[in-house]
Amino acid sequence: MLEHVYRRASMYEGWAALCIATCDQEIFDFCEKKGFPCVMTSSTHTRALERVHEAVLNLGLNPAEDDLVLNVQGDEPMMLPEMIDVTTRPMLDHKDVGGTVLAMDIVDEVQYRDPNSLKIIHDLNGDILYTSRSPIPYAKKFSREIGAKRIYGIFGFKWHFLKKFNELPESPLELVESCDSNRLYDNGLTQRVAPYPYMLSFAVDCPEDIKLVEEHMVNDPLYKLYARAA
């Protein structure tokens, strides 16, 4: 799963640096065997964004305050390189946007009601109000017209905004929903949604999802480009 994400993310040509961050020795050894850049981080992190912050420091990159830092989560093996551009675009186009979240349309009720699928609510300007494992926005009967979206596991930050996130303590809604981003919303901050239209793509949230991804990866055009190198 991790190899799929790394190889697909590496197809994006805009990286200044791309590195896997982990606290797991097995993953680190796997990366060394494959020749993937990898940095070890503390095992005490409870949130992915805290790990990303430490990884930037451990790599010694010394980013400028407005440099972009992305968290591409390792459980989205069907992600597309173009999603990186979609995630960064609002931060490049708007000086006041410090962070973004890639959000994909939800088209079926099963995913809408799945607690493993984090739903995302934003205002008319695209600024995110809340993320939840509950089916939101609430509707007695699900339809595509309610505009439900899920977090697609790619988060963008300007470096100064990621530092701000890391300085804040864990917040009530973050803990209840088990979602990093709610720490920002609890403290009166926000991110800009980076919308992406629905496509057939599955995250690996539980072991049963692996078989589902494998079945669909066979016909995936990107997979065919890197399968021989895998």
C-alpha atoms as a PDB file:
ATOM      1  CA  MET A   1       0.000   0.000   0.000  1.00  0.00           C
ATOM      2  CA  LEU A   2       2.739   2.433   0.956  1.00  0.00           C
ATOM      3  CA  GLU A   3       4.704   1.667  -2.202  1.00  0.00           C
ATOM      4  CA  HIS A   4       1.679   2.449  -4.361  1.00  0.00           C
ATOM      5  CA  VAL A   5       1.270   5.847  -2.663  1.00  0.00           C
ATOM      6  CA  TYR A   6       4.969   6.719  -2.899  1.00  0.00           C
ATOM      7  CA  ARG A   7       5.387   5.731  -6.536  1.00  0.00           C
ATOM      8  CA  ARG A   8       2.237   7.563  -7.587  1.00  0.00           C
ATOM      9  CA  ALA A   9       3.050  10.678  -5.564  1.00  0.00           C
ATOM     10  CA  SER A  10       6.570  10.722  -7.040  1.00  0.00           C
ATOM     11  CA  MET A  11       5.041  11.132 -10.504  1.00  0.00           C
ATOM     12  CA  TYR A  12       4.177  14.692  -9.543  1.00  0.00           C
ATOM     13  CA  GLU A  13       6.991  16.843 -10.898  1.00  0.00           C
ATOM     14  CA  GLY A  14       6.741  19.805  -8.534  1.00  0.00           C
ATOM     15  CA  TRP A  15       8.389  18.328  -5.438  1.00  0.00           C
ATOM     16  CA  ALA A  16      11.426  19.996  -3.914  1.00  0.00           C
ATOM     17  CA  ALA A  17      11.575  16.965  -1.622  1.00  0.00           C
ATOM     18  CA  LEU A  18       9.426  13.866  -1.179  1.00  0.00           C
ATOM     19  CA  CYS A  19      10.011  11.604   1.790  1.00  0.00           C
ATOM     20  CA  ILE A  20       8.210   8.910   3.771  1.00  0.00           C
ATOM     21  CA  ALA A  21       7.856   9.678   7.489  1.00  0.00           C
ATOM     22  CA  THR A  22       7.415   6.820   9.952  1.00  0.00           C
ATOM     23  CA  CYS A  23       8.112   5.677  13.503  1.00  0.00           C
ATOM     24  CA  ASP A  24       8.008   2.012  12.466  1.00  0.00           C
ATOM     25  CA  GLN A  25      11.267   0.139  11.961  1.00  0.00           C
ATOM     26  CA  GLU A  26       9.652  -2.360   9.595  1.00  0.00           C
ATOM     27  CA  ILE A  27       8.512   0.455   7.316  1.00  0.00           C
ATOM     28  CA  PHE A  28      11.928   2.129   7.531  1.00  0.00           C
ATOM     29  CA  ASP A  29      13.653  -1.143   6.563  1.00  0.00           C
ATOM     30  CA  PHE A  30      11.205  -1.627   3.688  1.00  0.00           C
ATOM     31  CA  CYS A  31      11.981   1.861   2.382  1.00  0.00           C
ATOM     32  CA  GLU A  32      15.722   1.259   2.596  1.00  0.00           C
ATOM     33  CA  LYS A  33      15.319  -1.981   0.640  1.00  0.00           C
ATOM     34  CA  LYS A  34      13.289  -0.201  -2.042  1.00  0.00           C
ATOM     35  CA  GLY A  35      15.514   2.862  -2.143  1.00  0.00           C
ATOM     36  CA  PHE A  36      12.719   5.198  -1.004  1.00  0.00           C
ATOM     37  CA  PRO A  37      13.773   8.234   1.059  1.00  0.00           C
ATOM     38  CA  CYS A  38      12.531   7.811   4.613  1.00  0.00           C
ATOM     39  CA  VAL A  39      12.890   9.685   7.888  1.00  0.00           C
ATOM     40  CA  MET A  40      12.254   8.284  11.348  1.00  0.00           C
ATOM     41  CA  THR A  41      10.046  10.267  13.703  1.00  0.00           C
ATOM     42  CA  SER A  42       8.893   9.908  17.286  1.00  0.00           C
ATOM     43  CA  SER A  43       6.534   7.076  18.209  1.00  0.00           C
ATOM     44  CA  THR A  44       4.595   9.359  20.559  1.00  0.00           C
ATOM     45  CA  HIS A  45       2.621  11.221  17.869  1.00  0.00           C
ATOM     46  CA  THR A  46      -1.132  10.688  17.894  1.00  0.00           C
ATOM     47  CA  ARG A  47      -1.754  12.781  14.758  1.00  0.00           C
ATOM     48  CA  ALA A  48      -0.311  12.550  11.249  1.00  0.00           C
ATOM     49  CA  LEU A  49       0.214  16.306  10.962  1.00  0.00           C
ATOM     50  CA  GLU A  50       2.387  16.328  14.084  1.00  0.00           C
ATOM     51  CA  ARG A  51       4.545  13.641  12.461  1.00  0.00           C
ATOM     52  CA  VAL A  52       4.815  15.677   9.274  1.00  0.00           C
ATOM     53  CA  HIS A  53       5.951  18.721  11.258  1.00  0.00           C
ATOM     54  CA  GLU A  54       8.687  16.699  12.959  1.00  0.00           C
ATOM     55  CA  ALA A  55       9.729  15.118   9.663  1.00  0.00           C
ATOM     56  CA  VAL A  56      10.336  18.559   8.130  1.00  0.00           C
ATOM     57  CA  LEU A  57      12.564  19.465  11.080  1.00  0.00           C
ATOM     58  CA  ASN A  58      14.431  16.146  11.001  1.00  0.00           C
ATOM     59  CA  LEU A  59      15.137  16.492   7.286  1.00  0.00           C
ATOM     60  CA  GLY A  60      16.788  19.874   7.887  1.00  0.00           C
ATOM     61  CA  LEU A  61      14.923  21.489   4.991  1.00  0.00           C
ATOM     62  CA  ASN A  62      14.718  24.943   6.633  1.00  0.00           C
ATOM     63  CA  PRO A  63      11.598  26.004   4.702  1.00  0.00           C
ATOM     64  CA  ALA A  64      10.597  29.629   4.322  1.00  0.00           C
ATOM     65  CA  GLU A  65       7.428  30.684   6.133  1.00  0.00           C
ATOM     66  CA  ASP A  66       5.269  30.452   2.986  1.00  0.00           C
ATOM     67  CA  ASP A  67       6.840  27.286   1.570  1.00  0.00           C
ATOM     68  CA  LEU A  68       4.327  24.493   1.068  1.00  0.00           C
ATOM     69  CA  VAL A  69       4.363  21.262   3.058  1.00  0.00           C
ATOM     70  CA  LEU A  70       2.040  18.419   2.045  1.00  0.00           C
ATOM     71  CA  ASN A  71       0.882  15.391   3.949  1.00  0.00           C
ATOM     72  CA  VAL A  72       0.034  12.598   1.508  1.00  0.00           C
ATOM     73  CA  GLN A  73      -1.378   9.871   3.709  1.00  0.00           C
ATOM     74  CA  GLY A  74      -0.212   6.334   3.071  1.00  0.00           C
ATOM     75  CA  ASP A  75      -3.681   4.770   2.982  1.00  0.00           C
ATOM     76  CA  GLU A  76      -4.761   6.202  -0.406  1.00  0.00           C
ATOM     77  CA  PRO A  77      -3.054   3.780  -2.848  1.00  0.00           C
ATOM     78  CA  MET A  78      -5.175   4.944  -5.782  1.00  0.00           C
ATOM     79  CA  MET A  79      -4.302   8.653  -5.504  1.00  0.00           C
ATOM     80  CA  LEU A  80      -3.351  10.556  -8.655  1.00  0.00           C
ATOM     81  CA  PRO A  81      -0.329  12.867  -9.061  1.00  0.00           C
ATOM     82  CA  GLU A  82      -2.591  15.662 -10.314  1.00  0.00           C
ATOM     83  CA  MET A  83      -4.258  15.712  -6.894  1.00  0.00           C
ATOM     84  CA  ILE A  84      -1.098  17.315  -5.522  1.00  0.00           C
ATOM     85  CA  ASP A  85      -1.549  20.267  -7.861  1.00  0.00           C
ATOM     86  CA  VAL A  86      -5.221  20.574  -6.896  1.00  0.00           C
ATOM     87  CA  THR A  87      -4.263  20.625  -3.209  1.00  0.00           C
ATOM     88  CA  THR A  88      -1.573  23.279  -3.586  1.00  0.00           C
ATOM     89  CA  ARG A  89      -3.439  25.585  -5.973  1.00  0.00           C
ATOM     90  CA  PRO A  90      -5.580  27.508  -3.414  1.00  0.00           C
ATOM     91  CA  MET A  91      -2.461  28.301  -1.351  1.00  0.00           C
ATOM     92  CA  LEU A  92      -0.576  29.520  -4.411  1.00  0.00           C
ATOM     93  CA  ASP A  93      -3.478  31.606  -5.676  1.00  0.00           C
ATOM     94  CA  HIS A  94      -4.489  33.188  -2.353  1.00  0.00           C
ATOM     95  CA  LYS A  95      -2.049  34.690   0.142  1.00  0.00           C
ATOM     96  CA  ASP A  96      -4.566  34.391   2.964  1.00  0.00           C
ATOM     97  CA  VAL A  97      -5.019  30.608   2.562  1.00  0.00           C
ATOM     98  CA  GLY A  98      -2.662  28.848   4.934  1.00  0.00           C
ATOM     99  CA  GLY A  99      -3.894  25.292   4.481  1.00  0.00           C
ATOM    100  CA  THR A 100      -5.985  23.028   2.276  1.00  0.00           C
ATOM    101  CA  VAL A 101      -7.684  19.645   2.330  1.00  0.00           C
ATOM    102  CA  LEU A 102      -8.396  17.594  -0.790  1.00  0.00           C
ATOM    103  CA  ALA A 103     -12.080  16.631  -0.774  1.00  0.00           C
ATOM    104  CA  MET A 104     -13.823  14.185  -3.090  1.00  0.00           C
ATOM    105  CA  ASP A 105     -17.526  14.036  -3.839  1.00  0.00           C
ATOM    106  CA  ILE A 106     -19.453  11.219  -2.163  1.00  0.00           C
ATOM    107  CA  VAL A 107     -21.777   9.476  -4.591  1.00  0.00           C
ATOM    108  CA  ASP A 108     -23.120   6.510  -2.615  1.00  0.00           C
ATOM    109  CA  GLU A 109     -24.883   6.149   0.709  1.00  0.00           C
ATOM    110  CA  VAL A 110     -22.602   3.403   2.029  1.00  0.00           C
ATOM    111  CA  GLN A 111     -19.604   5.746   2.036  1.00  0.00           C
ATOM    112  CA  TYR A 112     -21.753   8.603   3.318  1.00  0.00           C
ATOM    113  CA  ARG A 113     -22.625   6.576   6.425  1.00  0.00           C
ATOM    114  CA  ASP A 114     -19.226   4.873   6.850  1.00  0.00           C
ATOM    115  CA  PRO A 115     -17.464   6.222   9.998  1.00  0.00           C
ATOM    116  CA  ASN A 116     -14.099   5.406   8.416  1.00  0.00           C
ATOM    117  CA  SER A 117     -14.879   8.025   5.784  1.00  0.00           C
ATOM    118  CA  LEU A 118     -14.272  11.506   7.178  1.00  0.00           C
ATOM    119  CA  LYS A 119     -16.859  13.941   5.872  1.00  0.00           C
ATOM    120  CA  ILE A 120     -16.068  17.596   5.377  1.00  0.00           C
ATOM    121  CA  ILE A 121     -18.276  20.697   5.571  1.00  0.00           C
ATOM    122  CA  HIS A 122     -17.283  24.097   4.176  1.00  0.00           C
ATOM    123  CA  ASP A 123     -18.888  27.500   3.735  1.00  0.00           C
ATOM    124  CA  LEU A 124     -19.738  29.287   0.475  1.00  0.00           C
ATOM    125  CA  ASN A 125     -16.191  30.638   0.260  1.00  0.00           C
ATOM    126  CA  GLY A 126     -14.735  27.141   0.486  1.00  0.00           C
ATOM    127  CA  ASP A 127     -13.434  27.599   4.027  1.00  0.00           C
ATOM    128  CA  ILE A 128     -13.824  24.437   6.071  1.00  0.00           C
ATOM    129  CA  LEU A 129     -16.180  24.525   9.045  1.00  0.00           C
ATOM    130  CA  TYR A 130     -15.944  20.989  10.399  1.00  0.00           C
ATOM    131  CA  THR A 131     -14.941  17.424   9.679  1.00  0.00           C
ATOM    132  CA  SER A 132     -16.824  14.439  11.079  1.00  0.00           C
ATOM    133  CA  ARG A 133     -17.171  10.688  10.908  1.00  0.00           C
ATOM    134  CA  SER A 134     -20.928  11.172  11.019  1.00  0.00           C
ATOM    135  CA  PRO A 135     -22.939  11.496   7.795  1.00  0.00           C
ATOM    136  CA  ILE A 136     -22.928  15.255   7.189  1.00  0.00           C
ATOM    137  CA  PRO A 137     -24.554  17.314   5.878  1.00  0.00           C
ATOM    138  CA  TYR A 138     -27.495  15.461   7.405  1.00  0.00           C
ATOM    139  CA  ALA A 139     -30.238  14.330   5.056  1.00  0.00           C
ATOM    140  CA  LYS A 140     -33.178  12.020   5.691  1.00  0.00           C
ATOM    141  CA  LYS A 141     -32.534  10.501   2.274  1.00  0.00           C
ATOM    142  CA  PHE A 142     -29.080  10.486   0.710  1.00  0.00           C
ATOM    143  CA  SER A 143     -28.555  11.835  -2.773  1.00  0.00           C
ATOM    144  CA  ARG A 144     -25.605  13.321  -4.655  1.00  0.00           C
ATOM    145  CA  GLU A 145     -27.403  16.677  -4.601  1.00  0.00           C
ATOM    146  CA  ILE A 146     -26.732  17.209  -0.878  1.00  0.00           C
ATOM    147  CA  GLY A 147     -23.086  17.859  -1.781  1.00  0.00           C
ATOM    148  CA  ALA A 148     -21.427  15.479   0.689  1.00  0.00           C
ATOM    149  CA  LYS A 149     -17.652  15.248   0.415  1.00  0.00           C
ATOM    150  CA  ARG A 150     -14.996  13.113   2.042  1.00  0.00           C
ATOM    151  CA  ILE A 151     -11.427  13.946   2.970  1.00  0.00           C
ATOM    152  CA  TYR A 152      -9.171  12.308   0.405  1.00  0.00           C
ATOM    153  CA  GLY A 153      -6.081  12.050   2.589  1.00  0.00           C
ATOM    154  CA  ILE A 154      -3.980  14.884   1.130  1.00  0.00           C
ATOM    155  CA  PHE A 155      -3.447  17.965   3.280  1.00  0.00           C
ATOM    156  CA  GLY A 156      -1.544  21.104   2.316  1.00  0.00           C
ATOM    157  CA  PHE A 157       0.019  23.688   4.626  1.00  0.00           C
ATOM    158  CA  LYS A 158       2.138  26.761   4.367  1.00  0.00           C
ATOM    159  CA  TRP A 159       5.003  26.138   6.749  1.00  0.00           C
ATOM    160  CA  HIS A 160       4.000  28.928   9.163  1.00  0.00           C
ATOM    161  CA  PHE A 161       0.475  27.481   9.377  1.00  0.00           C
ATOM    162  CA  LEU A 162       1.701  23.937  10.049  1.00  0.00           C
ATOM    163  CA  LYS A 163       3.897  25.320  12.825  1.00  0.00           C
ATOM    164  CA  LYS A 164       0.850  27.071  14.259  1.00  0.00           C
ATOM    165  CA  PHE A 165      -1.097  23.798  14.204  1.00  0.00           C
ATOM    166  CA  ASN A 166       1.720  22.030  16.021  1.00  0.00           C
ATOM    167  CA  GLU A 167       1.836  24.710  18.734  1.00  0.00           C
ATOM    168  CA  LEU A 168      -1.832  24.246  19.588  1.00  0.00           C
ATOM    169  CA  PRO A 169      -2.861  21.579  22.124  1.00  0.00           C
ATOM    170  CA  GLU A 170      -5.195  18.775  21.124  1.00  0.00           C
ATOM    171  CA  SER A 171      -8.732  20.117  21.080  1.00  0.00           C
ATOM    172  CA  PRO A 172     -12.096  18.667  22.167  1.00  0.00           C
ATOM    173  CA  LEU A 173     -13.534  18.117  18.672  1.00  0.00           C
ATOM    174  CA  GLU A 174     -10.223  16.735  17.446  1.00  0.00           C
ATOM    175  CA  LEU A 175     -10.290  14.110  20.184  1.00  0.00           C
ATOM    176  CA  VAL A 176     -13.977  13.242  19.819  1.00  0.00           C
ATOM    177  CA  GLU A 177     -13.814  12.854  16.021  1.00  0.00           C
ATOM    178  CA  SER A 178     -10.192  11.612  15.946  1.00  0.00           C
ATOM    179  CA  CYS A 179      -9.383  14.101  13.198  1.00  0.00           C
ATOM    180  CA  ASP A 180      -6.377  16.462  13.201  1.00  0.00           C
ATOM    181  CA  SER A 181      -8.050  19.278  11.301  1.00  0.00           C
ATOM    182  CA  ASN A 182     -10.680  19.920  13.965  1.00  0.00           C
ATOM    183  CA  ARG A 183      -7.884  21.312  16.147  1.00  0.00           C
ATOM    184  CA  LEU A 184      -7.773  24.286  13.793  1.00  0.00           C
ATOM    185  CA  TYR A 185     -11.537  24.809  13.696  1.00  0.00           C
ATOM    186  CA  ASP A 186     -11.784  24.553  17.471  1.00  0.00           C
ATOM    187  CA  ASN A 187      -9.355  27.486  17.639  1.00  0.00           C
ATOM    188  CA  GLY A 188     -11.090  29.736  15.131  1.00  0.00           C
ATOM    189  CA  LEU A 189      -8.786  28.852  12.224  1.00  0.00           C
ATOM    190  CA  THR A 190      -9.652  27.180   8.945  1.00  0.00           C
ATOM    191  CA  GLN A 191      -8.367  25.548   5.773  1.00  0.00           C
ATOM    192  CA  ARG A 192      -9.629  25.938   2.229  1.00  0.00           C
ATOM    193  CA  VAL A 193     -11.315  22.952   0.621  1.00  0.00           C
ATOM    194  CA  ALA A 194      -9.642  21.677  -2.553  1.00  0.00           C
ATOM    195  CA  PRO A 195     -12.543  19.931  -4.325  1.00  0.00           C
ATOM    196  CA  TYR A 196     -11.980  16.956  -6.589  1.00  0.00           C
ATOM    197  CA  PRO A 197     -14.712  15.216  -8.599  1.00  0.00           C
ATOM    198  CA  TYR A 198     -15.646  11.652  -7.777  1.00  0.00           C
ATOM    199  CA  MET A 199     -13.619   8.879  -9.310  1.00  0.00           C
ATOM    200  CA  LEU A 200     -13.454   5.177  -8.542  1.00  0.00           C
ATOM    201  CA  SER A 201     -10.886   5.175  -5.752  1.00  0.00           C
ATOM    202  CA  PHE A 202     -10.662   3.305  -2.464  1.00  0.00           C
ATOM    203  CA  ALA A 203      -8.764   4.096   0.710  1.00  0.00           C
ATOM    204  CA  VAL A 204      -7.501   1.272   2.922  1.00  0.00           C
ATOM    205  CA  ASP A 205      -9.257   1.903   6.223  1.00  0.00           C
ATOM    206  CA  CYS A 206      -9.524  -1.751   7.283  1.00  0.00           C
ATOM    207  CA  PRO A 207      -8.030  -5.078   6.113  1.00  0.00           C
ATOM    208  CA  GLU A 208     -11.104  -5.864   4.010  1.00  0.00           C
ATOM    209  CA  ASP A 209     -10.350  -2.828   1.831  1.00  0.00           C
ATOM    210  CA  ILE A 210      -7.090  -4.343   0.584  1.00  0.00           C
ATOM    211  CA  LYS A 211      -8.838  -6.922  -1.577  1.00  0.00           C
ATOM    212  CA  LEU A 212     -11.092  -4.219  -3.004  1.00  0.00           C
ATOM    213  CA  VAL A 213      -8.108  -2.090  -4.006  1.00  0.00           C
ATOM    214  CA  GLU A 214      -6.273  -5.063  -5.490  1.00  0.00           C
ATOM    215  CA  GLU A 215      -9.261  -5.939  -7.645  1.00  0.00           C
ATOM    216  CA  HIS A 216      -9.467  -2.452  -9.115  1.00  0.00           C
ATOM    217  CA  MET A 217      -5.718  -1.821  -9.330  1.00  0.00           C
ATOM    218  CA  VAL A 218      -5.383  -4.455 -12.048  1.00  0.00           C
ATOM    219  CA  ASN A 219      -6.955  -2.110 -14.574  1.00  0.00           C
ATOM    220  CA  ASP A 220      -5.482   1.100 -13.178  1.00  0.00           C
ATOM    221  CA  PRO A 221      -3.489   2.927 -15.909  1.00  0.00           C
ATOM    222  CA  LEU A 222      -0.981   4.453 -13.478  1.00  0.00           C
ATOM    223  CA  TYR A 223      -0.207   1.096 -11.918  1.00  0.00           C
ATOM    224  CA  LYS A 224       0.799  -0.238 -15.301  1.00  0.00           C
ATOM    225  CA  LEU A 225       3.412   2.525 -15.554  1.00  0.00           C
ATOM    226  CA  TYR A 226       5.266   1.524 -12.407  1.00  0.00           C
ATOM    227  CA  ALA A 227       4.335  -2.161 -11.955  1.00  0.00           C
ATOM    228  CA  ARG A 228       7.603  -3.434 -13.417  1.00  0.00           C
ATOM    229  CA  ALA A 229       9.662  -1.263 -11.080  1.00  0.00           C
ATOM    230  CA  ALA A 230       7.699  -2.382  -8.026  1.00  0.00           C
END
